Each structure stands twice: as structure tokens, then as C-alpha cells.
Amino acid sequence: METIESTYTVTLRDYPEELPAKERIAAETRYAKALEKQLGGPEQVAAALDTLNNLEESPPEVVSPGDLTLLKAWGKASTAAKQAGFRDLGEGDGAYFEVRLG
């Protein structure tokens, strides 16, 4: 499966029907561009993702106010990115975009 390569990857997962590669890549690209627009660029997306991954492994008492701000920004960015990614596809039940550090 191809993914958008940068400092992170975006992959459309569990879409209920077979998509031509061109449409899947276009959706993944829209998702990535929307994340970058909301967070400030590819490096900021990767940095936010790294912080979020670290927070998942941290006890709740070590979450800083800056971390909470980042969590809110990520939530807003991922909502906008999901809308952009599924534009032209329609919502696929159970489908989601996976974002991972590259």
C-alpha cells in the first residue's frame, strides 16, 4: 500500500469499497495538506504526532498546559483533515486516516 511520504505518512484504512489508487492517494494528500494547514507545516505535524505518541505513554499527572493546548489543536486539525480527506469520497463506515511518523 502506498502512503504519502514526508516526515510522517497518511494512509486511508478500512474504506468499505475498493478505491482506485489515484482516488485513495488524492484523499490521503487532501488529509495531509489540511493537517499541515491547521498545524503549520509538515514538521509541525510530525512534532505534534511525536508529542502525542509520548503523551500516550505518560501518566496523566505529567501532562502540561502546553500539551493540553496541543491536544486541542490536534483534535481541531484532525477534524478538518478528515472532512478534507473524505471530500469527494463520502464517509465510509469504519474508514479512517492513519497518521504515523515516517
C-alpha atoms as a PDB file:
ATOM      1  CA  MET A   1       0.000   0.000   0.000  1.00  0.00           C
ATOM      2  CA  GLU A   2       1.371   3.406  -0.951  1.00  0.00           C
ATOM      3  CA  THR A   3       1.442   6.255   1.523  1.00  0.00           C
ATOM      4  CA  ILE A   4       2.222   9.942   1.374  1.00  0.00           C
ATOM      5  CA  GLU A   5       5.898  10.182   2.290  1.00  0.00           C
ATOM      6  CA  SER A   6       7.187  13.108   4.311  1.00  0.00           C
ATOM      7  CA  THR A   7       8.255  13.290   7.906  1.00  0.00           C
ATOM      8  CA  TYR A   8       5.025  11.387   8.507  1.00  0.00           C
ATOM      9  CA  THR A   9       2.700   9.155   6.493  1.00  0.00           C
ATOM     10  CA  VAL A  10      -1.046   9.225   5.954  1.00  0.00           C
ATOM     11  CA  THR A  11      -2.878   6.063   4.926  1.00  0.00           C
ATOM     12  CA  LEU A  12      -6.599   5.609   4.310  1.00  0.00           C
ATOM     13  CA  ARG A  13      -7.681   2.474   6.158  1.00  0.00           C
ATOM     14  CA  ASP A  14     -10.797   0.276   6.061  1.00  0.00           C
ATOM     15  CA  TYR A  15     -12.608   2.107   3.271  1.00  0.00           C
ATOM     16  CA  PRO A  16     -15.620  -0.149   2.577  1.00  0.00           C
ATOM     17  CA  GLU A  17     -15.120  -0.372  -1.166  1.00  0.00           C
ATOM     18  CA  GLU A  18     -12.146  -0.719  -3.469  1.00  0.00           C
ATOM     19  CA  LEU A  19     -10.810   2.688  -4.474  1.00  0.00           C
ATOM     20  CA  PRO A  20      -8.646   3.308  -7.492  1.00  0.00           C
ATOM     21  CA  ALA A  21      -5.133   4.221  -6.328  1.00  0.00           C
ATOM     22  CA  LYS A  22      -5.487   7.709  -7.799  1.00  0.00           C
ATOM     23  CA  GLU A  23      -8.563   8.468  -5.651  1.00  0.00           C
ATOM     24  CA  ARG A  24      -7.038   6.994  -2.494  1.00  0.00           C
ATOM     25  CA  ILE A  25      -3.815   8.979  -2.947  1.00  0.00           C
ATOM     26  CA  ALA A  26      -5.806  12.164  -3.620  1.00  0.00           C
ATOM     27  CA  ALA A  27      -7.770  11.622  -0.384  1.00  0.00           C
ATOM     28  CA  GLU A  28      -4.589  10.970   1.618  1.00  0.00           C
ATOM     29  CA  THR A  29      -2.988  14.080   0.118  1.00  0.00           C
ATOM     30  CA  ARG A  30      -6.018  16.241   0.972  1.00  0.00           C
ATOM     31  CA  TYR A  31      -5.897  14.925   4.529  1.00  0.00           C
ATOM     32  CA  ALA A  32      -2.165  15.665   4.881  1.00  0.00           C
ATOM     33  CA  LYS A  33      -2.480  19.169   3.399  1.00  0.00           C
ATOM     34  CA  ALA A  34      -5.348  20.033   5.745  1.00  0.00           C
ATOM     35  CA  LEU A  35      -3.332  18.828   8.764  1.00  0.00           C
ATOM     36  CA  GLU A  36      -0.363  20.901   7.639  1.00  0.00           C
ATOM     37  CA  LYS A  37      -2.513  23.981   7.068  1.00  0.00           C
ATOM     38  CA  GLN A  38      -4.006  23.703  10.562  1.00  0.00           C
ATOM     39  CA  LEU A  39      -0.748  22.921  12.379  1.00  0.00           C
ATOM     40  CA  GLY A  40       1.739  24.997  10.365  1.00  0.00           C
ATOM     41  CA  GLY A  41       3.552  22.573   8.062  1.00  0.00           C
ATOM     42  CA  PRO A  42       4.889  19.029   7.806  1.00  0.00           C
ATOM     43  CA  GLU A  43       7.489  19.487  10.535  1.00  0.00           C
ATOM     44  CA  GLN A  44       4.833  20.728  12.957  1.00  0.00           C
ATOM     45  CA  VAL A  45       2.586  17.762  12.115  1.00  0.00           C
ATOM     46  CA  ALA A  46       5.455  15.362  12.817  1.00  0.00           C
ATOM     47  CA  ALA A  47       6.385  17.188  16.043  1.00  0.00           C
ATOM     48  CA  ALA A  48       2.760  17.146  17.237  1.00  0.00           C
ATOM     49  CA  LEU A  49       2.443  13.462  16.401  1.00  0.00           C
ATOM     50  CA  ASP A  50       5.655  12.686  18.282  1.00  0.00           C
ATOM     51  CA  THR A  51       4.394  14.594  21.324  1.00  0.00           C
ATOM     52  CA  LEU A  52       1.020  12.830  21.160  1.00  0.00           C
ATOM     53  CA  ASN A  53       2.727   9.439  20.963  1.00  0.00           C
ATOM     54  CA  ASN A  54       4.817  10.325  24.021  1.00  0.00           C
ATOM     55  CA  LEU A  55       1.731  11.512  25.917  1.00  0.00           C
ATOM     56  CA  GLU A  56       0.012   8.167  25.351  1.00  0.00           C
ATOM     57  CA  GLU A  57       2.782   6.522  27.359  1.00  0.00           C
ATOM     58  CA  SER A  58       2.909   9.196  30.099  1.00  0.00           C
ATOM     59  CA  PRO A  59       0.943   9.222  33.326  1.00  0.00           C
ATOM     60  CA  PRO A  60      -1.824  11.879  33.345  1.00  0.00           C
ATOM     61  CA  GLU A  61      -0.126  13.937  36.048  1.00  0.00           C
ATOM     62  CA  VAL A  62       2.768  14.847  33.713  1.00  0.00           C
ATOM     63  CA  VAL A  63       0.541  16.429  31.042  1.00  0.00           C
ATOM     64  CA  SER A  64       1.410  20.129  30.838  1.00  0.00           C
ATOM     65  CA  PRO A  65      -0.847  23.026  29.838  1.00  0.00           C
ATOM     66  CA  GLY A  66       1.118  23.175  26.569  1.00  0.00           C
ATOM     67  CA  ASP A  67       0.366  19.508  25.966  1.00  0.00           C
ATOM     68  CA  LEU A  68      -3.346  20.154  26.507  1.00  0.00           C
ATOM     69  CA  THR A  69      -3.202  23.024  24.018  1.00  0.00           C
ATOM     70  CA  LEU A  70      -1.521  20.697  21.515  1.00  0.00           C
ATOM     71  CA  LEU A  71      -4.180  18.018  22.078  1.00  0.00           C
ATOM     72  CA  LYS A  72      -6.910  20.567  21.333  1.00  0.00           C
ATOM     73  CA  ALA A  73      -5.079  21.803  18.229  1.00  0.00           C
ATOM     74  CA  TRP A  74      -4.603  18.216  17.018  1.00  0.00           C
ATOM     75  CA  GLY A  75      -8.295  17.459  17.545  1.00  0.00           C
ATOM     76  CA  LYS A  76      -9.319  20.511  15.537  1.00  0.00           C
ATOM     77  CA  ALA A  77      -6.757  19.783  12.809  1.00  0.00           C
ATOM     78  CA  SER A  78      -7.706  16.113  12.509  1.00  0.00           C
ATOM     79  CA  THR A  79     -11.410  17.001  12.211  1.00  0.00           C
ATOM     80  CA  ALA A  80     -10.660  19.458   9.398  1.00  0.00           C
ATOM     81  CA  ALA A  81      -8.335  16.941   7.752  1.00  0.00           C
ATOM     82  CA  LYS A  82     -10.938  14.171   7.933  1.00  0.00           C
ATOM     83  CA  GLN A  83     -13.503  16.414   6.236  1.00  0.00           C
ATOM     84  CA  ALA A  84     -10.997  17.293   3.519  1.00  0.00           C
ATOM     85  CA  GLY A  85      -9.850  13.707   3.085  1.00  0.00           C
ATOM     86  CA  PHE A  86     -13.343  12.280   2.677  1.00  0.00           C
ATOM     87  CA  ARG A  87     -14.480  15.106   0.390  1.00  0.00           C
ATOM     88  CA  ASP A  88     -15.350  13.567  -2.978  1.00  0.00           C
ATOM     89  CA  LEU A  89     -15.418  10.072  -1.403  1.00  0.00           C
ATOM     90  CA  GLY A  90     -18.217  10.289   1.095  1.00  0.00           C
ATOM     91  CA  GLU A  91     -17.887   8.901   4.592  1.00  0.00           C
ATOM     92  CA  GLY A  92     -17.027   5.237   4.509  1.00  0.00           C
ATOM     93  CA  ASP A  93     -18.381   3.388   7.540  1.00  0.00           C
ATOM     94  CA  GLY A  94     -15.405   2.433   9.655  1.00  0.00           C
ATOM     95  CA  ALA A  95     -12.884   4.140   7.364  1.00  0.00           C
ATOM     96  CA  TYR A  96     -10.216   6.345   8.909  1.00  0.00           C
ATOM     97  CA  PHE A  97      -6.919   8.006   8.113  1.00  0.00           C
ATOM     98  CA  GLU A  98      -3.909   6.628   9.937  1.00  0.00           C
ATOM     99  CA  VAL A  99      -1.115   9.142  10.590  1.00  0.00           C
ATOM    100  CA  ARG A 100       2.295   7.804  11.602  1.00  0.00           C
ATOM    101  CA  LEU A 101       5.775   9.179  11.918  1.00  0.00           C
ATOM    102  CA  GLY A 102       7.795   8.346   8.814  1.00  0.00           C
END
